[in-house]
Amino acid sequence: MIKKVLPLFAVAALLAGCAIKGPVNATSNVASSKSGESCSNHLLMIFSWGDASIATAKTNGGITKVSAVDTARKGFLPIFYKSCTEVSGD
């Protein structure tokens, strides 16, 4: 019985996915005319490329004064994972 159930659990764990989105920071600067995004990718939780920092998102959007910062993460664990940061402001 265990020999039949254990492989099913292993396959289910490998096919598990995840997506998380939420705010990181918000200020009283309500009006925001610009937005910028930066992303990073991770493969097998060992190899990473890209830059999901707030500074890179600010540069990509041409923002000098930040109003809000949001983050989103999507993953096909444990194989692939993507993290993005979105900044809005002026």
PDB file of N, CA and C in Angstrom:
ATOM      1  N   MET A   1       0.823  -1.196   0.000  1.00  0.00           N
ATOM      2  CA  MET A   1       0.000   0.000   0.000  1.00  0.00           C
ATOM      3  C   MET A   1       0.870   1.264   0.000  1.00  0.00           C
ATOM      4  N   ILE A   2       1.880   1.294   0.858  1.00  0.00           N
ATOM      5  CA  ILE A   2       2.767   2.456   0.942  1.00  0.00           C
ATOM      6  C   ILE A   2       3.520   2.643  -0.363  1.00  0.00           C
ATOM      7  N   LYS A   3       3.901   1.551  -1.006  1.00  0.00           N
ATOM      8  CA  LYS A   3       4.651   1.638  -2.258  1.00  0.00           C
ATOM      9  C   LYS A   3       3.817   2.258  -3.371  1.00  0.00           C
ATOM     10  N   LYS A   4       2.505   2.168  -3.289  1.00  0.00           N
ATOM     11  CA  LYS A   4       1.633   2.761  -4.300  1.00  0.00           C
ATOM     12  C   LYS A   4       1.295   4.216  -3.977  1.00  0.00           C
ATOM     13  N   VAL A   5       1.163   4.536  -2.707  1.00  0.00           N
ATOM     14  CA  VAL A   5       0.752   5.874  -2.294  1.00  0.00           C
ATOM     15  C   VAL A   5       1.919   6.859  -2.318  1.00  0.00           C
ATOM     16  N   LEU A   6       3.097   6.426  -1.937  1.00  0.00           N
ATOM     17  CA  LEU A   6       4.258   7.310  -1.866  1.00  0.00           C
ATOM     18  C   LEU A   6       4.604   7.960  -3.205  1.00  0.00           C
ATOM     19  N   PRO A   7       4.614   7.227  -4.322  1.00  0.00           N
ATOM     20  CA  PRO A   7       4.871   7.892  -5.607  1.00  0.00           C
ATOM     21  C   PRO A   7       3.798   8.930  -5.969  1.00  0.00           C
ATOM     22  N   LEU A   8       2.561   8.693  -5.582  1.00  0.00           N
ATOM     23  CA  LEU A   8       1.500   9.670  -5.846  1.00  0.00           C
ATOM     24  C   LEU A   8       1.748  10.972  -5.085  1.00  0.00           C
ATOM     25  N   PHE A   9       2.166  10.854  -3.835  1.00  0.00           N
ATOM     26  CA  PHE A   9       2.499  12.047  -3.058  1.00  0.00           C
ATOM     27  C   PHE A   9       3.703  12.770  -3.641  1.00  0.00           C
ATOM     28  N   ALA A  10       4.673  12.031  -4.124  1.00  0.00           N
ATOM     29  CA  ALA A  10       5.865  12.638  -4.725  1.00  0.00           C
ATOM     30  C   ALA A  10       5.494  13.412  -5.990  1.00  0.00           C
ATOM     31  N   VAL A  11       4.645  12.845  -6.824  1.00  0.00           N
ATOM     32  CA  VAL A  11       4.206  13.525  -8.050  1.00  0.00           C
ATOM     33  C   VAL A  11       3.378  14.759  -7.700  1.00  0.00           C
ATOM     34  N   ALA A  12       2.507  14.653  -6.713  1.00  0.00           N
ATOM     35  CA  ALA A  12       1.694  15.799  -6.301  1.00  0.00           C
ATOM     36  C   ALA A  12       2.569  16.936  -5.777  1.00  0.00           C
ATOM     37  N   ALA A  13       3.609  16.607  -5.041  1.00  0.00           N
ATOM     38  CA  ALA A  13       4.519  17.634  -4.520  1.00  0.00           C
ATOM     39  C   ALA A  13       5.285  18.310  -5.647  1.00  0.00           C
ATOM     40  N   LEU A  14       5.686  17.566  -6.656  1.00  0.00           N
ATOM     41  CA  LEU A  14       6.419  18.146  -7.779  1.00  0.00           C
ATOM     42  C   LEU A  14       5.539  19.022  -8.661  1.00  0.00           C
ATOM     43  N   LEU A  15       4.254  18.739  -8.715  1.00  0.00           N
ATOM     44  CA  LEU A  15       3.340  19.502  -9.558  1.00  0.00           C
ATOM     45  C   LEU A  15       2.682  20.669  -8.830  1.00  0.00           C
ATOM     46  N   ALA A  16       3.020  20.861  -7.574  1.00  0.00           N
ATOM     47  CA  ALA A  16       2.423  21.942  -6.792  1.00  0.00           C
ATOM     48  C   ALA A  16       2.904  23.288  -7.312  1.00  0.00           C
ATOM     49  N   GLY A  17       2.008  24.240  -7.383  1.00  0.00           N
ATOM     50  CA  GLY A  17       2.343  25.591  -7.825  1.00  0.00           C
ATOM     51  C   GLY A  17       1.911  26.609  -6.788  1.00  0.00           C
ATOM     52  N   CYS A  18       2.377  27.831  -6.960  1.00  0.00           N
ATOM     53  CA  CYS A  18       2.082  28.862  -5.981  1.00  0.00           C
ATOM     54  C   CYS A  18       2.075  30.223  -6.671  1.00  0.00           C
ATOM     55  N   ALA A  19       1.155  31.094  -6.275  1.00  0.00           N
ATOM     56  CA  ALA A  19       1.125  32.473  -6.774  1.00  0.00           C
ATOM     57  C   ALA A  19       0.714  33.380  -5.622  1.00  0.00           C
ATOM     58  N   ILE A  20       1.535  34.382  -5.333  1.00  0.00           N
ATOM     59  CA  ILE A  20       1.283  35.303  -4.232  1.00  0.00           C
ATOM     60  C   ILE A  20       1.425  36.725  -4.757  1.00  0.00           C
ATOM     61  N   LYS A  21       0.467  37.580  -4.407  1.00  0.00           N
ATOM     62  CA  LYS A  21       0.556  38.989  -4.791  1.00  0.00           C
ATOM     63  C   LYS A  21       0.107  39.829  -3.609  1.00  0.00           C
ATOM     64  N   GLY A  22       0.845  40.890  -3.334  1.00  0.00           N
ATOM     65  CA  GLY A  22       0.460  41.739  -2.224  1.00  0.00           C
ATOM     66  C   GLY A  22       1.273  43.014  -2.173  1.00  0.00           C
ATOM     67  N   PRO A  23       0.783  43.991  -1.396  1.00  0.00           N
ATOM     68  CA  PRO A  23       1.508  45.250  -1.270  1.00  0.00           C
ATOM     69  C   PRO A  23       2.700  45.115  -0.329  1.00  0.00           C
ATOM     70  N   VAL A  24       3.737  45.855  -0.621  1.00  0.00           N
ATOM     71  CA  VAL A  24       4.904  45.895   0.248  1.00  0.00           C
ATOM     72  C   VAL A  24       4.903  47.191   1.034  1.00  0.00           C
ATOM     73  N   ASN A  25       4.606  48.297   0.347  1.00  0.00           N
ATOM     74  CA  ASN A  25       4.671  49.600   0.984  1.00  0.00           C
ATOM     75  C   ASN A  25       3.752  50.565   0.249  1.00  0.00           C
ATOM     76  N   ALA A  26       3.122  51.452   0.992  1.00  0.00           N
ATOM     77  CA  ALA A  26       2.311  52.513   0.396  1.00  0.00           C
ATOM     78  C   ALA A  26       2.527  53.785   1.201  1.00  0.00           C
ATOM     79  N   THR A  27       2.493  54.919   0.531  1.00  0.00           N
ATOM     80  CA  THR A  27       2.681  56.204   1.201  1.00  0.00           C
ATOM     81  C   THR A  27       1.444  57.057   1.006  1.00  0.00           C
ATOM     82  N   SER A  28       1.475  58.261   1.524  1.00  0.00           N
ATOM     83  CA  SER A  28       0.339  59.169   1.376  1.00  0.00           C
ATOM     84  C   SER A  28       0.328  59.864   0.020  1.00  0.00           C
ATOM     85  N   ASN A  29       1.309  59.592  -0.823  1.00  0.00           N
ATOM     86  CA  ASN A  29       1.341  60.149  -2.181  1.00  0.00           C
ATOM     87  C   ASN A  29       0.347  59.381  -3.047  1.00  0.00           C
ATOM     88  N   VAL A  30      -0.884  59.889  -3.141  1.00  0.00           N
ATOM     89  CA  VAL A  30      -1.950  59.150  -3.815  1.00  0.00           C
ATOM     90  C   VAL A  30      -1.802  59.170  -5.329  1.00  0.00           C
ATOM     91  N   ALA A  31      -1.546  60.327  -5.893  1.00  0.00           N
ATOM     92  CA  ALA A  31      -1.461  60.442  -7.349  1.00  0.00           C
ATOM     93  C   ALA A  31      -0.141  59.857  -7.847  1.00  0.00           C
ATOM     94  N   SER A  32      -0.256  58.904  -8.738  1.00  0.00           N
ATOM     95  CA  SER A  32       0.954  58.316  -9.326  1.00  0.00           C
ATOM     96  C   SER A  32       0.736  58.177 -10.822  1.00  0.00           C
ATOM     97  N   SER A  33       1.590  58.835 -11.584  1.00  0.00           N
ATOM     98  CA  SER A  33       1.423  58.850 -13.030  1.00  0.00           C
ATOM     99  C   SER A  33       2.321  57.853 -13.747  1.00  0.00           C
ATOM    100  N   LYS A  34       3.304  57.294 -13.053  1.00  0.00           N
ATOM    101  CA  LYS A  34       4.247  56.369 -13.686  1.00  0.00           C
ATOM    102  C   LYS A  34       4.285  55.054 -12.920  1.00  0.00           C
ATOM    103  N   SER A  35       4.697  54.010 -13.621  1.00  0.00           N
ATOM    104  CA  SER A  35       4.911  52.723 -12.953  1.00  0.00           C
ATOM    105  C   SER A  35       6.072  52.001 -13.628  1.00  0.00           C
ATOM    106  N   GLY A  36       6.759  51.215 -12.851  1.00  0.00           N
ATOM    107  CA  GLY A  36       7.883  50.438 -13.355  1.00  0.00           C
ATOM    108  C   GLY A  36       7.885  49.059 -12.730  1.00  0.00           C
ATOM    109  N   GLU A  37       8.455  48.101 -13.434  1.00  0.00           N
ATOM    110  CA  GLU A  37       8.465  46.720 -12.959  1.00  0.00           C
ATOM    111  C   GLU A  37       9.852  46.118 -13.151  1.00  0.00           C
ATOM    112  N   SER A  38      10.230  45.271 -12.224  1.00  0.00           N
ATOM    113  CA  SER A  38      11.473  44.513 -12.347  1.00  0.00           C
ATOM    114  C   SER A  38      11.201  43.091 -11.871  1.00  0.00           C
ATOM    115  N   CYS A  39      11.824  42.109 -12.525  1.00  0.00           N
ATOM    116  CA  CYS A  39      11.566  40.699 -12.216  1.00  0.00           C
ATOM    117  C   CYS A  39      12.860  39.905 -12.114  1.00  0.00           C
ATOM    118  N   SER A  40      12.790  38.836 -11.351  1.00  0.00           N
ATOM    119  CA  SER A  40      13.894  37.879 -11.292  1.00  0.00           C
ATOM    120  C   SER A  40      13.313  36.476 -11.405  1.00  0.00           C
ATOM    121  N   ASN A  41      14.099  35.563 -11.945  1.00  0.00           N
ATOM    122  CA  ASN A  41      13.682  34.177 -12.137  1.00  0.00           C
ATOM    123  C   ASN A  41      14.645  33.253 -11.410  1.00  0.00           C
ATOM    124  N   HIS A  42      14.111  32.128 -10.953  1.00  0.00           N
ATOM    125  CA  HIS A  42      14.920  31.157 -10.223  1.00  0.00           C
ATOM    126  C   HIS A  42      14.609  29.764 -10.765  1.00  0.00           C
ATOM    127  N   LEU A  43      15.641  29.017 -11.050  1.00  0.00           N
ATOM    128  CA  LEU A  43      15.493  27.666 -11.580  1.00  0.00           C
ATOM    129  C   LEU A  43      16.094  26.687 -10.587  1.00  0.00           C
ATOM    130  N   LEU A  44      15.303  25.724 -10.177  1.00  0.00           N
ATOM    131  CA  LEU A  44      15.707  24.691  -9.222  1.00  0.00           C
ATOM    132  C   LEU A  44      16.191  25.280  -7.901  1.00  0.00           C
ATOM    133  N   MET A  45      15.785  26.506  -7.602  1.00  0.00           N
ATOM    134  CA  MET A  45      16.193  27.216  -6.393  1.00  0.00           C
ATOM    135  C   MET A  45      17.714  27.299  -6.248  1.00  0.00           C
ATOM    136  N   ILE A  46      18.420  27.132  -7.355  1.00  0.00           N
ATOM    137  CA  ILE A  46      19.883  27.205  -7.362  1.00  0.00           C
ATOM    138  C   ILE A  46      20.337  28.325  -8.286  1.00  0.00           C
ATOM    139  N   PHE A  47      19.807  28.346  -9.504  1.00  0.00           N
ATOM    140  CA  PHE A  47      20.205  29.329 -10.512  1.00  0.00           C
ATOM    141  C   PHE A  47      19.219  30.490 -10.516  1.00  0.00           C
ATOM    142  N   SER A  48      19.740  31.700 -10.467  1.00  0.00           N
ATOM    143  CA  SER A  48      18.893  32.895 -10.464  1.00  0.00           C
ATOM    144  C   SER A  48      19.412  33.903 -11.476  1.00  0.00           C
ATOM    145  N   TRP A  49      18.494  34.627 -12.108  1.00  0.00           N
ATOM    146  CA  TRP A  49      18.868  35.714 -13.009  1.00  0.00           C
ATOM    147  C   TRP A  49      17.781  36.778 -12.946  1.00  0.00           C
ATOM    148  N   GLY A  50      18.192  38.011 -13.202  1.00  0.00           N
ATOM    149  CA  GLY A  50      17.274  39.139 -13.133  1.00  0.00           C
ATOM    150  C   GLY A  50      17.445  39.893 -11.822  1.00  0.00           C
ATOM    151  N   ASP A  51      16.765  41.026 -11.724  1.00  0.00           N
ATOM    152  CA  ASP A  51      16.853  41.882 -10.544  1.00  0.00           C
ATOM    153  C   ASP A  51      15.455  42.375 -10.212  1.00  0.00           C
ATOM    154  N   ALA A  52      14.890  41.931  -9.113  1.00  0.00           N
ATOM    155  CA  ALA A  52      13.542  42.321  -8.711  1.00  0.00           C
ATOM    156  C   ALA A  52      13.569  43.382  -7.619  1.00  0.00           C
ATOM    157  N   SER A  53      14.572  44.243  -7.640  1.00  0.00           N
ATOM    158  CA  SER A  53      14.692  45.251  -6.589  1.00  0.00           C
ATOM    159  C   SER A  53      13.811  46.465  -6.881  1.00  0.00           C
ATOM    160  N   ILE A  54      13.527  47.211  -5.835  1.00  0.00           N
ATOM    161  CA  ILE A  54      12.743  48.434  -5.969  1.00  0.00           C
ATOM    162  C   ILE A  54      13.516  49.465  -6.785  1.00  0.00           C
ATOM    163  N   ALA A  55      14.816  49.532  -6.583  1.00  0.00           N
ATOM    164  CA  ALA A  55      15.644  50.497  -7.322  1.00  0.00           C
ATOM    165  C   ALA A  55      15.586  50.249  -8.827  1.00  0.00           C
ATOM    166  N   THR A  56      15.628  48.996  -9.244  1.00  0.00           N
ATOM    167  CA  THR A  56      15.547  48.673 -10.672  1.00  0.00           C
ATOM    168  C   THR A  56      14.168  49.009 -11.230  1.00  0.00           C
ATOM    169  N   ALA A  57      13.112  48.723 -10.463  1.00  0.00           N
ATOM    170  CA  ALA A  57      11.759  49.057 -10.909  1.00  0.00           C
ATOM    171  C   ALA A  57      11.594  50.570 -11.037  1.00  0.00           C
ATOM    172  N   LYS A  58      12.181  51.331 -10.108  1.00  0.00           N
ATOM    173  CA  LYS A  58      12.139  52.798 -10.206  1.00  0.00           C
ATOM    174  C   LYS A  58      12.836  53.273 -11.474  1.00  0.00           C
ATOM    175  N   THR A  59      13.997  52.726 -11.756  1.00  0.00           N
ATOM    176  CA  THR A  59      14.746  53.112 -12.957  1.00  0.00           C
ATOM    177  C   THR A  59      13.973  52.757 -14.217  1.00  0.00           C
ATOM    178  N   ASN A  60      13.372  51.564 -14.252  1.00  0.00           N
ATOM    179  CA  ASN A  60      12.615  51.123 -15.429  1.00  0.00           C
ATOM    180  C   ASN A  60      11.404  52.014 -15.695  1.00  0.00           C
ATOM    181  N   GLY A  61      10.808  52.572 -14.643  1.00  0.00           N
ATOM    182  CA  GLY A  61       9.642  53.429 -14.820  1.00  0.00           C
ATOM    183  C   GLY A  61       9.957  54.909 -14.841  1.00  0.00           C
ATOM    184  N   GLY A  62      11.223  55.277 -14.638  1.00  0.00           N
ATOM    185  CA  GLY A  62      11.586  56.687 -14.594  1.00  0.00           C
ATOM    186  C   GLY A  62      10.984  57.401 -13.396  1.00  0.00           C
ATOM    187  N   ILE A  63      10.937  56.723 -12.258  1.00  0.00           N
ATOM    188  CA  ILE A  63      10.285  57.242 -11.054  1.00  0.00           C
ATOM    189  C   ILE A  63      11.332  57.806 -10.097  1.00  0.00           C
ATOM    190  N   THR A  64      11.032  58.980  -9.535  1.00  0.00           N
ATOM    191  CA  THR A  64      11.915  59.560  -8.521  1.00  0.00           C
ATOM    192  C   THR A  64      11.261  59.575  -7.148  1.00  0.00           C
ATOM    193  N   LYS A  65       9.922  59.662  -7.090  1.00  0.00           N
ATOM    194  CA  LYS A  65       9.188  59.695  -5.826  1.00  0.00           C
ATOM    195  C   LYS A  65       8.204  58.521  -5.802  1.00  0.00           C
ATOM    196  N   VAL A  66       8.435  57.572  -4.923  1.00  0.00           N
ATOM    197  CA  VAL A  66       7.647  56.337  -4.876  1.00  0.00           C
ATOM    198  C   VAL A  66       6.358  56.550  -4.089  1.00  0.00           C
ATOM    199  N   SER A  67       5.228  56.067  -4.657  1.00  0.00           N
ATOM    200  CA  SER A  67       3.936  56.100  -3.978  1.00  0.00           C
ATOM    201  C   SER A  67       3.574  54.742  -3.393  1.00  0.00           C
ATOM    202  N   ALA A  68       3.796  53.690  -4.154  1.00  0.00           N
ATOM    203  CA  ALA A  68       3.422  52.347  -3.697  1.00  0.00           C
ATOM    204  C   ALA A  68       4.353  51.309  -4.302  1.00  0.00           C
ATOM    205  N   VAL A  69       4.527  50.221  -3.563  1.00  0.00           N
ATOM    206  CA  VAL A  69       5.345  49.099  -4.018  1.00  0.00           C
ATOM    207  C   VAL A  69       4.531  47.826  -3.850  1.00  0.00           C
ATOM    208  N   ASP A  70       4.382  47.072  -4.913  1.00  0.00           N
ATOM    209  CA  ASP A  70       3.686  45.788  -4.885  1.00  0.00           C
ATOM    210  C   ASP A  70       4.646  44.699  -5.327  1.00  0.00           C
ATOM    211  N   THR A  71       4.385  43.492  -4.856  1.00  0.00           N
ATOM    212  CA  THR A  71       5.212  42.359  -5.259  1.00  0.00           C
ATOM    213  C   THR A  71       4.319  41.200  -5.667  1.00  0.00           C
ATOM    214  N   ALA A  72       4.771  40.420  -6.612  1.00  0.00           N
ATOM    215  CA  ALA A  72       4.035  39.242  -7.066  1.00  0.00           C
ATOM    216  C   ALA A  72       5.026  38.099  -7.241  1.00  0.00           C
ATOM    217  N   ARG A  73       4.615  36.929  -6.789  1.00  0.00           N
ATOM    218  CA  ARG A  73       5.467  35.747  -6.920  1.00  0.00           C
ATOM    219  C   ARG A  73       4.649  34.617  -7.522  1.00  0.00           C
ATOM    220  N   LYS A  74       5.231  33.979  -8.517  1.00  0.00           N
ATOM    221  CA  LYS A  74       4.594  32.826  -9.147  1.00  0.00           C
ATOM    222  C   LYS A  74       5.612  31.707  -9.187  1.00  0.00           C
ATOM    223  N   GLY A  75       5.156  30.510  -8.882  1.00  0.00           N
ATOM    224  CA  GLY A  75       6.115  29.425  -8.871  1.00  0.00           C
ATOM    225  C   GLY A  75       5.526  28.097  -9.255  1.00  0.00           C
ATOM    226  N   PHE A  76       6.362  27.307  -9.814  1.00  0.00           N
ATOM    227  CA  PHE A  76       6.083  25.910 -10.093  1.00  0.00           C
ATOM    228  C   PHE A  76       7.145  25.163  -9.306  1.00  0.00           C
ATOM    229  N   LEU A  77       6.865  25.013  -8.018  1.00  0.00           N
ATOM    230  CA  LEU A  77       7.872  24.531  -7.085  1.00  0.00           C
ATOM    231  C   LEU A  77       8.117  23.053  -7.253  1.00  0.00           C
ATOM    232  N   PRO A  78       9.286  22.593  -7.047  1.00  0.00           N
ATOM    233  CA  PRO A  78      10.536  23.296  -6.759  1.00  0.00           C
ATOM    234  C   PRO A  78      11.348  23.593  -8.014  1.00  0.00           C
ATOM    235  N   ILE A  79      10.686  23.645  -9.170  1.00  0.00           N
ATOM    236  CA  ILE A  79      11.432  23.753 -10.422  1.00  0.00           C
ATOM    237  C   ILE A  79      11.659  25.201 -10.844  1.00  0.00           C
ATOM    238  N   PHE A  80      10.605  26.003 -10.930  1.00  0.00           N
ATOM    239  CA  PHE A  80      10.726  27.367 -11.453  1.00  0.00           C
ATOM    240  C   PHE A  80       9.987  28.339 -10.547  1.00  0.00           C
ATOM    241  N   TYR A  81      10.537  29.538 -10.369  1.00  0.00           N
ATOM    242  CA  TYR A  81       9.978  30.548  -9.489  1.00  0.00           C
ATOM    243  C   TYR A  81      10.267  31.922 -10.085  1.00  0.00           C
ATOM    244  N   LYS A  82       9.254  32.794 -10.148  1.00  0.00           N
ATOM    245  CA  LYS A  82       9.429  34.145 -10.687  1.00  0.00           C
ATOM    246  C   LYS A  82       8.915  35.158  -9.666  1.00  0.00           C
ATOM    247  N   SER A  83       9.716  36.173  -9.400  1.00  0.00           N
ATOM    248  CA  SER A  83       9.364  37.215  -8.446  1.00  0.00           C
ATOM    249  C   SER A  83       9.444  38.569  -9.142  1.00  0.00           C
ATOM    250  N   CYS A  84       8.361  39.363  -9.055  1.00  0.00           N
ATOM    251  CA  CYS A  84       8.325  40.679  -9.696  1.00  0.00           C
ATOM    252  C   CYS A  84       7.972  41.754  -8.672  1.00  0.00           C
ATOM    253  N   THR A  85       8.555  42.925  -8.851  1.00  0.00           N
ATOM    254  CA  THR A  85       8.281  44.086  -8.010  1.00  0.00           C
ATOM    255  C   THR A  85       7.765  45.203  -8.906  1.00  0.00           C
ATOM    256  N   GLU A  86       6.615  45.778  -8.530  1.00  0.00           N
ATOM    257  CA  GLU A  86       6.032  46.883  -9.289  1.00  0.00           C
ATOM    258  C   GLU A  86       6.003  48.128  -8.407  1.00  0.00           C
ATOM    259  N   VAL A  87       6.530  49.214  -8.931  1.00  0.00           N
ATOM    260  CA  VAL A  87       6.605  50.480  -8.209  1.00  0.00           C
ATOM    261  C   VAL A  87       5.799  51.514  -8.973  1.00  0.00           C
ATOM    262  N   SER A  88       5.001  52.305  -8.259  1.00  0.00           N
ATOM    263  CA  SER A  88       4.277  53.402  -8.898  1.00  0.00           C
ATOM    264  C   SER A  88       4.594  54.697  -8.159  1.00  0.00           C
ATOM    265  N   GLY A  89       4.588  55.783  -8.895  1.00  0.00           N
ATOM    266  CA  GLY A  89       4.913  57.086  -8.317  1.00  0.00           C
ATOM    267  C   GLY A  89       5.113  58.126  -9.393  1.00  0.00           C
ATOM    268  N   ASP A  90       5.847  59.164  -9.057  1.00  0.00           N
ATOM    269  CA  ASP A  90       6.117  60.257  -9.998  1.00  0.00           C
ATOM    270  C   ASP A  90       7.596  60.379 -10.272  1.00  0.00           C
TER     271      ASP A  90
END
